[in-house]
C-alpha atoms as a PDB file:
ATOM      1  CA  MET A   1       0.000   0.000   0.000  1.00  0.00           C
ATOM      2  CA  VAL A   2       0.947   3.631  -0.430  1.00  0.00           C
ATOM      3  CA  TYR A   3       0.568   6.126   2.418  1.00  0.00           C
ATOM      4  CA  PRO A   4       0.236   9.755   1.251  1.00  0.00           C
ATOM      5  CA  LEU A   5       1.661  12.603   3.348  1.00  0.00           C
ATOM      6  CA  ARG A   6       0.858  16.232   2.568  1.00  0.00           C
ATOM      7  CA  PHE A   7       3.025  19.150   3.657  1.00  0.00           C
ATOM      8  CA  ALA A   8       2.462  22.914   3.826  1.00  0.00           C
ATOM      9  CA  LEU A   9       6.030  23.719   4.934  1.00  0.00           C
ATOM     10  CA  PHE A  10       9.594  22.537   4.335  1.00  0.00           C
ATOM     11  CA  LYS A  11       9.543  21.694   0.620  1.00  0.00           C
ATOM     12  CA  GLU A  12      13.276  22.314   0.135  1.00  0.00           C
ATOM     13  CA  GLU A  13      14.189  20.517   3.357  1.00  0.00           C
ATOM     14  CA  ILE A  14      12.266  17.443   2.182  1.00  0.00           C
ATOM     15  CA  LEU A  15      13.816  17.498  -1.280  1.00  0.00           C
ATOM     16  CA  ASN A  16      17.390  17.943  -0.049  1.00  0.00           C
ATOM     17  CA  GLY A  17      17.025  15.252   2.634  1.00  0.00           C
ATOM     18  CA  VAL A  18      17.343  17.498   5.684  1.00  0.00           C
ATOM     19  CA  LYS A  19      13.776  16.730   6.794  1.00  0.00           C
ATOM     20  CA  ARG A  20      13.274  12.971   7.050  1.00  0.00           C
ATOM     21  CA  GLN A  21      10.396  12.796   9.487  1.00  0.00           C
ATOM     22  CA  THR A  22       7.005  14.317  10.202  1.00  0.00           C
ATOM     23  CA  VAL A  23       4.954  14.647  13.371  1.00  0.00           C
ATOM     24  CA  ARG A  24       1.222  14.157  12.903  1.00  0.00           C
ATOM     25  CA  LEU A  25      -1.754  14.145  15.221  1.00  0.00           C
ATOM     26  CA  LEU A  26      -2.880  10.549  15.714  1.00  0.00           C
ATOM     27  CA  ARG A  27      -6.437  10.431  14.457  1.00  0.00           C
ATOM     28  CA  ARG A  28      -8.664   7.597  13.335  1.00  0.00           C
ATOM     29  CA  ARG A  29      -6.539   6.929  10.284  1.00  0.00           C
ATOM     30  CA  ARG A  30      -4.012   4.204  10.907  1.00  0.00           C
ATOM     31  CA  PRO A  31      -0.321   5.080  11.081  1.00  0.00           C
ATOM     32  CA  PRO A  32       1.863   3.891   8.210  1.00  0.00           C
ATOM     33  CA  ARG A  33       3.666   0.597   8.639  1.00  0.00           C
ATOM     34  CA  VAL A  34       7.434   0.195   8.564  1.00  0.00           C
ATOM     35  CA  GLY A  35       8.376  -0.758   4.994  1.00  0.00           C
ATOM     36  CA  GLU A  36       5.301   0.905   3.493  1.00  0.00           C
ATOM     37  CA  ILE A  37       5.738   3.381   0.628  1.00  0.00           C
ATOM     38  CA  LEU A  38       5.245   7.020   1.649  1.00  0.00           C
ATOM     39  CA  ARG A  39       4.188   9.395  -1.106  1.00  0.00           C
ATOM     40  CA  LEU A  40       5.117  12.995  -0.184  1.00  0.00           C
ATOM     41  CA  TYR A  41       3.259  16.043  -1.528  1.00  0.00           C
ATOM     42  CA  TYR A  42       3.814  19.759  -1.014  1.00  0.00           C
ATOM     43  CA  LYS A  43       0.652  21.825  -1.505  1.00  0.00           C
ATOM     44  CA  GLY A  44      -0.664  19.223  -3.949  1.00  0.00           C
ATOM     45  CA  GLU A  45       2.617  18.886  -5.871  1.00  0.00           C
ATOM     46  CA  PHE A  46       4.123  15.394  -5.849  1.00  0.00           C
ATOM     47  CA  LEU A  47       7.637  15.504  -4.389  1.00  0.00           C
ATOM     48  CA  MET A  48       8.829  11.916  -3.991  1.00  0.00           C
ATOM     49  CA  GLU A  49       8.214   8.394  -2.861  1.00  0.00           C
ATOM     50  CA  THR A  50      10.213   6.941  -0.010  1.00  0.00           C
ATOM     51  CA  VAL A  51       9.966   4.073   2.459  1.00  0.00           C
ATOM     52  CA  CYS A  52       8.732   4.343   6.048  1.00  0.00           C
ATOM     53  CA  ARG A  53      11.542   3.219   8.357  1.00  0.00           C
ATOM     54  CA  GLU A  54      10.069   3.994  11.787  1.00  0.00           C
ATOM     55  CA  VAL A  55       6.792   5.052  13.427  1.00  0.00           C
ATOM     56  CA  LEU A  56       6.636   6.235  17.027  1.00  0.00           C
ATOM     57  CA  ILE A  57       3.452   7.012  18.952  1.00  0.00           C
ATOM     58  CA  MET A  58       4.158   9.716  21.525  1.00  0.00           C
ATOM     59  CA  LYS A  59       2.242  11.946  23.913  1.00  0.00           C
ATOM     60  CA  TRP A  60       2.464  15.712  23.533  1.00  0.00           C
ATOM     61  CA  LYS A  61       4.119  15.970  26.972  1.00  0.00           C
ATOM     62  CA  ASP A  62       7.026  13.887  25.609  1.00  0.00           C
ATOM     63  CA  LEU A  63       7.291  15.803  22.317  1.00  0.00           C
ATOM     64  CA  GLN A  64       6.981  19.420  23.347  1.00  0.00           C
ATOM     65  CA  GLU A  65      10.389  19.756  25.022  1.00  0.00           C
ATOM     66  CA  ASP A  66      12.407  17.610  22.577  1.00  0.00           C
ATOM     67  CA  LEU A  67      14.584  20.048  20.645  1.00  0.00           C
ATOM     68  CA  GLU A  68      16.294  17.316  18.602  1.00  0.00           C
ATOM     69  CA  LEU A  69      12.927  15.959  17.455  1.00  0.00           C
ATOM     70  CA  ALA A  70      11.751  19.493  16.583  1.00  0.00           C
ATOM     71  CA  ARG A  71      14.903  20.084  14.516  1.00  0.00           C
ATOM     72  CA  LEU A  72      14.555  16.738  12.718  1.00  0.00           C
ATOM     73  CA  ASP A  73      11.041  17.829  11.858  1.00  0.00           C
ATOM     74  CA  GLY A  74      12.379  21.001  10.198  1.00  0.00           C
ATOM     75  CA  PHE A  75      11.850  23.577  12.952  1.00  0.00           C
ATOM     76  CA  THR A  76      14.676  25.779  14.219  1.00  0.00           C
ATOM     77  CA  SER A  77      13.457  26.084  17.819  1.00  0.00           C
ATOM     78  CA  LEU A  78      11.080  24.595  20.349  1.00  0.00           C
ATOM     79  CA  ASN A  79       9.056  27.807  20.276  1.00  0.00           C
ATOM     80  CA  GLU A  80       8.547  27.500  16.518  1.00  0.00           C
ATOM     81  CA  PHE A  81       7.623  23.810  16.927  1.00  0.00           C
ATOM     82  CA  LYS A  82       5.127  24.502  19.729  1.00  0.00           C
ATOM     83  CA  GLU A  83       3.597  27.431  17.868  1.00  0.00           C
ATOM     84  CA  TRP A  84       2.900  25.236  14.816  1.00  0.00           C
ATOM     85  CA  PHE A  85       1.270  22.491  16.896  1.00  0.00           C
ATOM     86  CA  LYS A  86      -0.765  24.992  18.925  1.00  0.00           C
ATOM     87  CA  MET A  87      -3.474  24.689  16.237  1.00  0.00           C
ATOM     88  CA  TYR A  88      -4.313  21.221  17.628  1.00  0.00           C
ATOM     89  CA  ASN A  89      -4.741  22.591  21.154  1.00  0.00           C
ATOM     90  CA  PRO A  90      -2.954  19.502  22.519  1.00  0.00           C
ATOM     91  CA  SER A  91      -3.206  18.372  26.124  1.00  0.00           C
ATOM     92  CA  ASN A  92      -0.250  16.580  27.656  1.00  0.00           C
ATOM     93  CA  GLU A  93      -1.969  13.274  26.828  1.00  0.00           C
ATOM     94  CA  THR A  94      -2.739  14.045  23.151  1.00  0.00           C
ATOM     95  CA  LEU A  95      -1.200  11.356  20.944  1.00  0.00           C
ATOM     96  CA  PHE A  96       0.972  12.107  17.933  1.00  0.00           C
ATOM     97  CA  MET A  97       2.764   9.857  15.479  1.00  0.00           C
ATOM     98  CA  VAL A  98       6.344  10.502  14.442  1.00  0.00           C
ATOM     99  CA  ILE A  99       6.833   9.092  10.936  1.00  0.00           C
ATOM    100  CA  ARG A 100      10.430   8.678   9.737  1.00  0.00           C
ATOM    101  CA  TRP A 101      11.710   7.838   6.281  1.00  0.00           C
END
């Protein structure tokens, strides 16, 4: 199966290999499986296909102070990371999936 991922930020970082993960709110949709093809899009434009190598399920309380994770996700600071995810109004127990390729 193919698992599509859509992005609104970080096109160049994805294309040049700097960004090799994404953090997504865990909703009803199942997470991708390790080994599954990920199809990456930026604002509707197809960027690439790659293979899922790791999926982590984490609570917001464990994500929000992890500077390394924020940087791997393309953000330059924890403040920038937190500001982006503020739209989800996460509680400490809100679940997210970290998808790595």
